[in-house]
Amino acid sequence: MRAGSLAVFLVLVLALAGPCSAEPHAPIVIASDADLTAENGVVGGSGTHDDPYIIAGWEIDAGDGTGISISGVTAHVVIAGCLLRGTPRGTGITIATSPNTAVRDCSFFGLGTGIFVYESPGVIMEGNRFERCWNGIEGTQSPGL
């Protein structure tokens, strides 16, 4: 199985498994390509278009902060099958200046904002679920969102 096919297969398996199978993880902060490591929740991939870095299967309590923050990343990244919880002051995922990012089949519960996108044109959103969030998806300066 090609690496790209393996990554897509992993995303599908985790997405179909649903949030009940998510493993607890501390909030994730990725401020550059160098931060895309296993310690920061990456479970696979090499960062190319055909083999994106995969952040998947995590349950993260954002509290009043941000569950997953990705900024200044040029590599291709897919966030999939994650469950993000928090308070009405919290944000599930923030994507800033990271245009090669996709958020797929994630669940957001009790947050002020589920996903916030800034200066990241072309970010992909597919199959995400929002419950008791003030805002589902917000974006600014991100054409094509």
N, C-alpha and C. Protein backbone atom coordinates (compact mmCIF):
# COMPACT_ATOMS: atom_id res chain seq x y z
N MET A 1 0.86 -1.18 0.00
CA MET A 1 0.00 0.00 0.00
C MET A 1 0.90 1.24 0.00
N ARG A 2 0.66 2.17 -0.94
CA ARG A 2 1.43 3.41 -0.99
C ARG A 2 1.22 4.22 0.28
N ALA A 3 2.21 5.05 0.61
CA ALA A 3 2.13 5.86 1.83
C ALA A 3 0.89 6.77 1.80
N GLY A 4 0.60 7.38 0.64
CA GLY A 4 -0.57 8.26 0.53
C GLY A 4 -1.86 7.49 0.74
N SER A 5 -1.92 6.27 0.19
CA SER A 5 -3.11 5.44 0.36
C SER A 5 -3.26 5.02 1.81
N LEU A 6 -2.14 4.73 2.47
CA LEU A 6 -2.17 4.36 3.87
C LEU A 6 -2.70 5.51 4.72
N ALA A 7 -2.27 6.74 4.43
CA ALA A 7 -2.73 7.90 5.18
C ALA A 7 -4.23 8.10 5.00
N VAL A 8 -4.72 7.96 3.77
CA VAL A 8 -6.16 8.11 3.51
C VAL A 8 -6.92 7.01 4.23
N PHE A 9 -6.40 5.77 4.20
CA PHE A 9 -7.04 4.66 4.90
C PHE A 9 -7.12 4.94 6.40
N LEU A 10 -6.03 5.44 6.99
CA LEU A 10 -6.01 5.77 8.41
C LEU A 10 -7.07 6.81 8.75
N VAL A 11 -7.17 7.84 7.93
CA VAL A 11 -8.17 8.89 8.17
C VAL A 11 -9.57 8.30 8.13
N LEU A 12 -9.84 7.44 7.15
CA LEU A 12 -11.17 6.85 7.03
C LEU A 12 -11.49 5.95 8.22
N VAL A 13 -10.54 5.15 8.65
CA VAL A 13 -10.76 4.27 9.79
C VAL A 13 -11.06 5.09 11.04
N LEU A 14 -10.27 6.12 11.29
CA LEU A 14 -10.48 6.94 12.48
C LEU A 14 -11.79 7.71 12.41
N ALA A 15 -12.15 8.19 11.23
CA ALA A 15 -13.40 8.94 11.09
C ALA A 15 -14.60 8.03 11.31
N LEU A 16 -14.54 6.80 10.80
CA LEU A 16 -15.65 5.88 10.96
C LEU A 16 -15.75 5.38 12.40
N ALA A 17 -14.64 5.35 13.10
CA ALA A 17 -14.64 4.89 14.49
C ALA A 17 -15.40 5.85 15.39
N GLY A 18 -15.46 7.12 15.00
CA GLY A 18 -16.22 8.11 15.76
C GLY A 18 -15.48 8.58 17.00
N PRO A 19 -16.04 9.58 17.68
CA PRO A 19 -15.37 10.19 18.81
C PRO A 19 -15.23 9.29 20.02
N CYS A 20 -16.00 8.20 20.11
CA CYS A 20 -15.90 7.33 21.27
C CYS A 20 -14.55 6.67 21.37
N SER A 21 -13.85 6.51 20.25
CA SER A 21 -12.55 5.84 20.27
C SER A 21 -11.39 6.82 20.43
N ALA A 22 -11.69 8.11 20.58
CA ALA A 22 -10.64 9.12 20.68
C ALA A 22 -9.85 8.94 21.97
N GLU A 23 -8.54 9.13 21.86
CA GLU A 23 -7.64 9.05 23.01
C GLU A 23 -7.40 10.45 23.57
N PRO A 24 -7.36 10.59 24.89
CA PRO A 24 -7.09 11.92 25.48
C PRO A 24 -5.71 12.45 25.07
N HIS A 25 -5.65 13.75 24.83
CA HIS A 25 -4.39 14.41 24.48
C HIS A 25 -4.45 15.84 25.00
N ALA A 26 -3.34 16.34 25.45
CA ALA A 26 -3.25 17.75 25.86
C ALA A 26 -3.43 18.64 24.64
N PRO A 27 -3.78 19.91 24.82
CA PRO A 27 -3.86 20.83 23.67
C PRO A 27 -2.57 20.78 22.85
N ILE A 28 -2.74 20.92 21.54
CA ILE A 28 -1.64 20.81 20.58
C ILE A 28 -1.33 22.18 20.01
N VAL A 29 -0.05 22.57 20.04
CA VAL A 29 0.40 23.84 19.47
C VAL A 29 1.49 23.54 18.45
N ILE A 30 1.20 23.88 17.20
CA ILE A 30 2.16 23.70 16.11
C ILE A 30 2.40 25.07 15.50
N ALA A 31 3.62 25.59 15.65
CA ALA A 31 3.95 26.95 15.20
C ALA A 31 4.87 26.96 13.99
N SER A 32 5.23 25.79 13.48
CA SER A 32 6.06 25.70 12.27
C SER A 32 6.07 24.25 11.81
N ASP A 33 6.59 24.00 10.62
CA ASP A 33 6.69 22.63 10.11
C ASP A 33 7.49 21.75 11.07
N ALA A 34 8.48 22.31 11.74
CA ALA A 34 9.33 21.54 12.65
C ALA A 34 8.55 20.98 13.84
N ASP A 35 7.40 21.56 14.16
CA ASP A 35 6.59 21.11 15.29
C ASP A 35 5.67 19.94 14.93
N LEU A 36 5.67 19.51 13.69
CA LEU A 36 4.81 18.40 13.27
C LEU A 36 5.49 17.09 13.65
N THR A 37 5.32 16.72 14.92
CA THR A 37 5.97 15.55 15.50
C THR A 37 4.94 14.69 16.23
N ALA A 38 5.35 13.47 16.57
CA ALA A 38 4.48 12.56 17.32
C ALA A 38 4.09 13.18 18.68
N GLU A 39 5.01 13.90 19.30
CA GLU A 39 4.71 14.53 20.58
C GLU A 39 3.58 15.55 20.46
N ASN A 40 3.44 16.13 19.26
CA ASN A 40 2.38 17.11 19.01
C ASN A 40 1.17 16.49 18.31
N GLY A 41 1.00 15.19 18.48
CA GLY A 41 -0.22 14.54 18.00
C GLY A 41 -0.18 13.98 16.60
N VAL A 42 0.93 14.10 15.88
CA VAL A 42 1.02 13.57 14.51
C VAL A 42 1.11 12.05 14.60
N VAL A 43 0.21 11.36 13.88
CA VAL A 43 0.19 9.90 13.90
C VAL A 43 0.66 9.28 12.60
N GLY A 44 0.99 10.10 11.59
CA GLY A 44 1.48 9.56 10.33
C GLY A 44 1.70 10.65 9.30
N GLY A 45 2.22 10.24 8.15
CA GLY A 45 2.42 11.14 7.02
C GLY A 45 3.78 11.78 6.99
N SER A 46 4.07 12.38 5.82
CA SER A 46 5.36 13.05 5.62
C SER A 46 5.21 14.51 5.24
N GLY A 47 3.98 15.00 5.12
CA GLY A 47 3.74 16.41 4.86
C GLY A 47 3.59 16.80 3.41
N THR A 48 3.59 15.82 2.50
CA THR A 48 3.40 16.13 1.09
C THR A 48 1.91 16.12 0.75
N HIS A 49 1.58 16.57 -0.45
CA HIS A 49 0.19 16.56 -0.91
C HIS A 49 -0.38 15.14 -0.89
N ASP A 50 0.39 14.16 -1.35
CA ASP A 50 -0.07 12.78 -1.43
C ASP A 50 0.06 12.01 -0.11
N ASP A 51 0.82 12.54 0.83
CA ASP A 51 1.05 11.89 2.11
C ASP A 51 1.09 12.94 3.22
N PRO A 52 -0.06 13.59 3.49
CA PRO A 52 -0.06 14.68 4.47
C PRO A 52 0.22 14.16 5.88
N TYR A 53 0.72 15.08 6.72
CA TYR A 53 0.80 14.76 8.14
C TYR A 53 -0.63 14.54 8.64
N ILE A 54 -0.81 13.56 9.50
CA ILE A 54 -2.13 13.23 10.03
C ILE A 54 -2.14 13.47 11.54
N ILE A 55 -3.09 14.28 11.99
CA ILE A 55 -3.37 14.45 13.41
C ILE A 55 -4.77 13.89 13.58
N ALA A 56 -4.89 12.73 14.22
CA ALA A 56 -6.18 12.06 14.22
C ALA A 56 -6.41 11.24 15.48
N GLY A 57 -7.69 11.13 15.82
CA GLY A 57 -8.11 10.24 16.88
C GLY A 57 -7.92 10.77 18.29
N TRP A 58 -7.77 12.06 18.46
CA TRP A 58 -7.53 12.64 19.79
C TRP A 58 -8.79 13.26 20.36
N GLU A 59 -8.91 13.18 21.68
CA GLU A 59 -9.94 13.91 22.42
C GLU A 59 -9.22 14.97 23.22
N ILE A 60 -9.55 16.24 22.96
CA ILE A 60 -8.83 17.35 23.56
C ILE A 60 -9.81 18.28 24.26
N ASP A 61 -9.50 18.59 25.52
CA ASP A 61 -10.27 19.58 26.27
C ASP A 61 -9.56 20.92 26.14
N ALA A 62 -10.15 21.82 25.36
CA ALA A 62 -9.55 23.13 25.13
C ALA A 62 -9.75 24.08 26.30
N GLY A 63 -10.73 23.79 27.17
CA GLY A 63 -11.03 24.72 28.27
C GLY A 63 -11.37 26.09 27.71
N ASP A 64 -10.73 27.14 28.24
CA ASP A 64 -10.92 28.51 27.75
C ASP A 64 -9.95 28.86 26.63
N GLY A 65 -9.05 27.93 26.28
CA GLY A 65 -8.02 28.20 25.27
C GLY A 65 -8.36 27.58 23.93
N THR A 66 -7.33 27.03 23.28
CA THR A 66 -7.47 26.41 21.96
C THR A 66 -7.02 24.96 22.03
N GLY A 67 -7.80 24.07 21.45
CA GLY A 67 -7.48 22.64 21.47
C GLY A 67 -6.33 22.30 20.54
N ILE A 68 -6.41 22.72 19.28
CA ILE A 68 -5.34 22.51 18.30
C ILE A 68 -5.07 23.84 17.62
N SER A 69 -3.82 24.28 17.68
CA SER A 69 -3.41 25.53 17.04
C SER A 69 -2.33 25.23 16.02
N ILE A 70 -2.60 25.58 14.76
CA ILE A 70 -1.63 25.38 13.69
C ILE A 70 -1.37 26.73 13.05
N SER A 71 -0.11 27.16 13.04
CA SER A 71 0.23 28.45 12.43
C SER A 71 1.59 28.36 11.75
N GLY A 72 1.71 29.09 10.65
CA GLY A 72 2.98 29.17 9.94
C GLY A 72 3.46 27.85 9.36
N VAL A 73 2.53 26.99 8.97
CA VAL A 73 2.88 25.67 8.45
C VAL A 73 2.68 25.65 6.93
N THR A 74 3.69 25.20 6.20
CA THR A 74 3.58 25.07 4.75
C THR A 74 3.31 23.63 4.33
N ALA A 75 3.61 22.66 5.19
CA ALA A 75 3.37 21.25 4.88
C ALA A 75 1.86 20.98 4.79
N HIS A 76 1.51 19.89 4.17
CA HIS A 76 0.11 19.46 4.08
C HIS A 76 -0.24 18.72 5.36
N VAL A 77 -1.38 19.10 5.97
CA VAL A 77 -1.80 18.54 7.26
C VAL A 77 -3.29 18.21 7.19
N VAL A 78 -3.65 17.04 7.72
CA VAL A 78 -5.05 16.67 7.85
C VAL A 78 -5.32 16.41 9.33
N ILE A 79 -6.34 17.09 9.85
CA ILE A 79 -6.83 16.85 11.21
C ILE A 79 -8.14 16.08 11.02
N ALA A 80 -8.21 14.87 11.59
CA ALA A 80 -9.38 14.03 11.33
C ALA A 80 -9.79 13.24 12.55
N GLY A 81 -11.10 13.06 12.68
CA GLY A 81 -11.64 12.18 13.71
C GLY A 81 -11.30 12.59 15.13
N CYS A 82 -11.11 13.87 15.37
CA CYS A 82 -10.81 14.35 16.72
C CYS A 82 -12.08 14.86 17.38
N LEU A 83 -12.11 14.79 18.69
CA LEU A 83 -13.21 15.33 19.49
C LEU A 83 -12.63 16.47 20.32
N LEU A 84 -13.17 17.67 20.12
CA LEU A 84 -12.68 18.85 20.84
C LEU A 84 -13.81 19.42 21.68
N ARG A 85 -13.52 19.57 22.97
CA ARG A 85 -14.49 20.10 23.93
C ARG A 85 -13.90 21.35 24.57
N GLY A 86 -14.78 22.14 25.19
CA GLY A 86 -14.28 23.31 25.90
C GLY A 86 -15.41 24.14 26.44
N THR A 87 -15.08 25.38 26.80
CA THR A 87 -16.06 26.30 27.35
C THR A 87 -16.47 27.30 26.27
N PRO A 88 -17.48 28.12 26.54
CA PRO A 88 -17.87 29.13 25.56
C PRO A 88 -16.78 30.16 25.26
N ARG A 89 -15.69 30.17 26.01
CA ARG A 89 -14.55 31.05 25.72
C ARG A 89 -13.48 30.33 24.91
N GLY A 90 -13.63 29.04 24.71
CA GLY A 90 -12.62 28.24 24.02
C GLY A 90 -12.84 28.12 22.53
N THR A 91 -11.77 27.69 21.84
CA THR A 91 -11.80 27.44 20.40
C THR A 91 -11.26 26.02 20.17
N GLY A 92 -11.95 25.28 19.33
CA GLY A 92 -11.51 23.91 19.06
C GLY A 92 -10.22 23.87 18.28
N ILE A 93 -10.22 24.46 17.07
CA ILE A 93 -9.06 24.45 16.19
C ILE A 93 -8.85 25.86 15.63
N THR A 94 -7.62 26.36 15.70
CA THR A 94 -7.24 27.61 15.05
C THR A 94 -6.21 27.29 13.99
N ILE A 95 -6.45 27.79 12.78
CA ILE A 95 -5.52 27.61 11.65
C ILE A 95 -5.14 29.00 11.17
N ALA A 96 -3.86 29.34 11.24
CA ALA A 96 -3.39 30.66 10.81
C ALA A 96 -2.19 30.49 9.89
N THR A 97 -2.21 31.17 8.78
CA THR A 97 -1.14 31.15 7.77
C THR A 97 -0.66 29.73 7.49
N SER A 98 -1.62 28.82 7.31
CA SER A 98 -1.33 27.41 7.03
C SER A 98 -2.34 26.90 5.99
N PRO A 99 -2.16 27.29 4.72
CA PRO A 99 -3.17 27.04 3.71
C PRO A 99 -3.34 25.58 3.28
N ASN A 100 -2.41 24.71 3.60
CA ASN A 100 -2.48 23.31 3.16
C ASN A 100 -3.04 22.40 4.24
N THR A 101 -4.07 22.89 4.93
CA THR A 101 -4.65 22.17 6.05
C THR A 101 -6.08 21.76 5.74
N ALA A 102 -6.46 20.56 6.20
CA ALA A 102 -7.83 20.08 6.07
C ALA A 102 -8.31 19.60 7.43
N VAL A 103 -9.59 19.88 7.73
CA VAL A 103 -10.23 19.41 8.96
C VAL A 103 -11.41 18.55 8.53
N ARG A 104 -11.34 17.26 8.87
CA ARG A 104 -12.35 16.32 8.40
C ARG A 104 -12.91 15.48 9.55
N ASP A 105 -14.23 15.39 9.58
CA ASP A 105 -14.93 14.47 10.47
C ASP A 105 -14.55 14.65 11.94
N CYS A 106 -14.37 15.88 12.36
CA CYS A 106 -14.11 16.19 13.77
C CYS A 106 -15.42 16.62 14.43
N SER A 107 -15.49 16.44 15.74
CA SER A 107 -16.66 16.86 16.52
C SER A 107 -16.25 17.93 17.50
N PHE A 108 -17.10 18.94 17.63
CA PHE A 108 -16.84 20.10 18.50
C PHE A 108 -18.01 20.24 19.45
N PHE A 109 -17.71 20.39 20.74
CA PHE A 109 -18.78 20.44 21.73
C PHE A 109 -18.53 21.54 22.76
N GLY A 110 -19.53 22.44 22.91
CA GLY A 110 -19.53 23.42 23.99
C GLY A 110 -18.53 24.55 23.87
N LEU A 111 -18.04 24.81 22.69
CA LEU A 111 -17.01 25.84 22.48
C LEU A 111 -17.60 27.16 22.03
N GLY A 112 -16.85 28.24 22.21
CA GLY A 112 -17.24 29.52 21.65
C GLY A 112 -17.14 29.48 20.14
N THR A 113 -16.04 28.93 19.63
CA THR A 113 -15.82 28.77 18.19
C THR A 113 -15.25 27.38 17.94
N GLY A 114 -15.87 26.65 17.02
CA GLY A 114 -15.36 25.33 16.69
C GLY A 114 -14.04 25.43 15.94
N ILE A 115 -14.05 26.12 14.79
CA ILE A 115 -12.86 26.27 13.95
C ILE A 115 -12.71 27.74 13.58
N PHE A 116 -11.51 28.29 13.77
CA PHE A 116 -11.21 29.65 13.36
C PHE A 116 -10.05 29.60 12.37
N VAL A 117 -10.23 30.25 11.22
CA VAL A 117 -9.22 30.25 10.16
C VAL A 117 -8.82 31.69 9.85
N TYR A 118 -7.48 31.94 9.79
CA TYR A 118 -6.96 33.27 9.52
C TYR A 118 -5.83 33.17 8.49
N GLU A 119 -5.92 33.96 7.43
CA GLU A 119 -4.91 34.03 6.38
C GLU A 119 -4.47 32.65 5.90
N SER A 120 -5.45 31.81 5.61
CA SER A 120 -5.18 30.45 5.14
C SER A 120 -6.15 30.10 4.02
N PRO A 121 -5.95 30.70 2.83
CA PRO A 121 -6.87 30.44 1.73
C PRO A 121 -6.85 28.96 1.31
N GLY A 122 -8.03 28.46 1.03
CA GLY A 122 -8.13 27.09 0.51
C GLY A 122 -8.15 26.00 1.56
N VAL A 123 -8.24 26.33 2.84
CA VAL A 123 -8.37 25.30 3.88
C VAL A 123 -9.63 24.49 3.57
N ILE A 124 -9.55 23.19 3.79
CA ILE A 124 -10.66 22.29 3.47
C ILE A 124 -11.36 21.88 4.76
N MET A 125 -12.69 21.94 4.75
CA MET A 125 -13.53 21.50 5.87
C MET A 125 -14.53 20.50 5.33
N GLU A 126 -14.59 19.31 5.91
CA GLU A 126 -15.53 18.30 5.44
C GLU A 126 -16.04 17.46 6.61
N GLY A 127 -17.35 17.31 6.69
CA GLY A 127 -17.96 16.36 7.61
C GLY A 127 -17.82 16.66 9.08
N ASN A 128 -17.57 17.89 9.46
CA ASN A 128 -17.41 18.24 10.87
C ASN A 128 -18.77 18.44 11.52
N ARG A 129 -18.83 18.16 12.84
CA ARG A 129 -20.07 18.29 13.59
C ARG A 129 -19.87 19.25 14.76
N PHE A 130 -20.85 20.13 14.95
CA PHE A 130 -20.78 21.15 16.00
C PHE A 130 -22.02 21.02 16.88
N GLU A 131 -21.81 20.96 18.19
CA GLU A 131 -22.92 20.87 19.13
C GLU A 131 -22.67 21.83 20.28
N ARG A 132 -23.65 22.69 20.54
CA ARG A 132 -23.59 23.67 21.63
C ARG A 132 -22.39 24.61 21.49
N CYS A 133 -22.00 24.89 20.25
CA CYS A 133 -20.94 25.88 19.99
C CYS A 133 -21.59 27.20 19.62
N TRP A 134 -21.03 28.31 20.08
CA TRP A 134 -21.55 29.63 19.73
C TRP A 134 -21.40 29.86 18.23
N ASN A 135 -20.21 29.59 17.69
CA ASN A 135 -19.94 29.68 16.25
C ASN A 135 -19.33 28.36 15.79
N GLY A 136 -19.78 27.88 14.64
CA GLY A 136 -19.18 26.66 14.10
C GLY A 136 -17.84 26.95 13.46
N ILE A 137 -17.86 27.69 12.34
CA ILE A 137 -16.63 28.02 11.60
C ILE A 137 -16.59 29.52 11.40
N GLU A 138 -15.48 30.12 11.77
CA GLU A 138 -15.23 31.55 11.52
C GLU A 138 -13.96 31.66 10.70
N GLY A 139 -13.90 32.68 9.84
CA GLY A 139 -12.68 32.90 9.08
C GLY A 139 -12.54 34.33 8.66
N THR A 140 -11.30 34.73 8.48
CA THR A 140 -11.02 36.07 7.99
C THR A 140 -9.77 36.02 7.14
N GLN A 141 -9.77 36.81 6.09
CA GLN A 141 -8.63 36.91 5.17
C GLN A 141 -8.22 35.53 4.65
N SER A 142 -9.22 34.70 4.34
CA SER A 142 -8.96 33.35 3.87
C SER A 142 -9.88 33.03 2.68
N PRO A 143 -9.61 33.61 1.51
CA PRO A 143 -10.45 33.36 0.34
C PRO A 143 -10.54 31.86 0.05
N GLY A 144 -11.70 31.44 -0.37
CA GLY A 144 -11.91 30.04 -0.72
C GLY A 144 -12.32 29.18 0.44
N LEU A 145 -12.47 29.76 1.62
CA LEU A 145 -12.88 29.00 2.79
C LEU A 145 -14.34 28.68 2.70
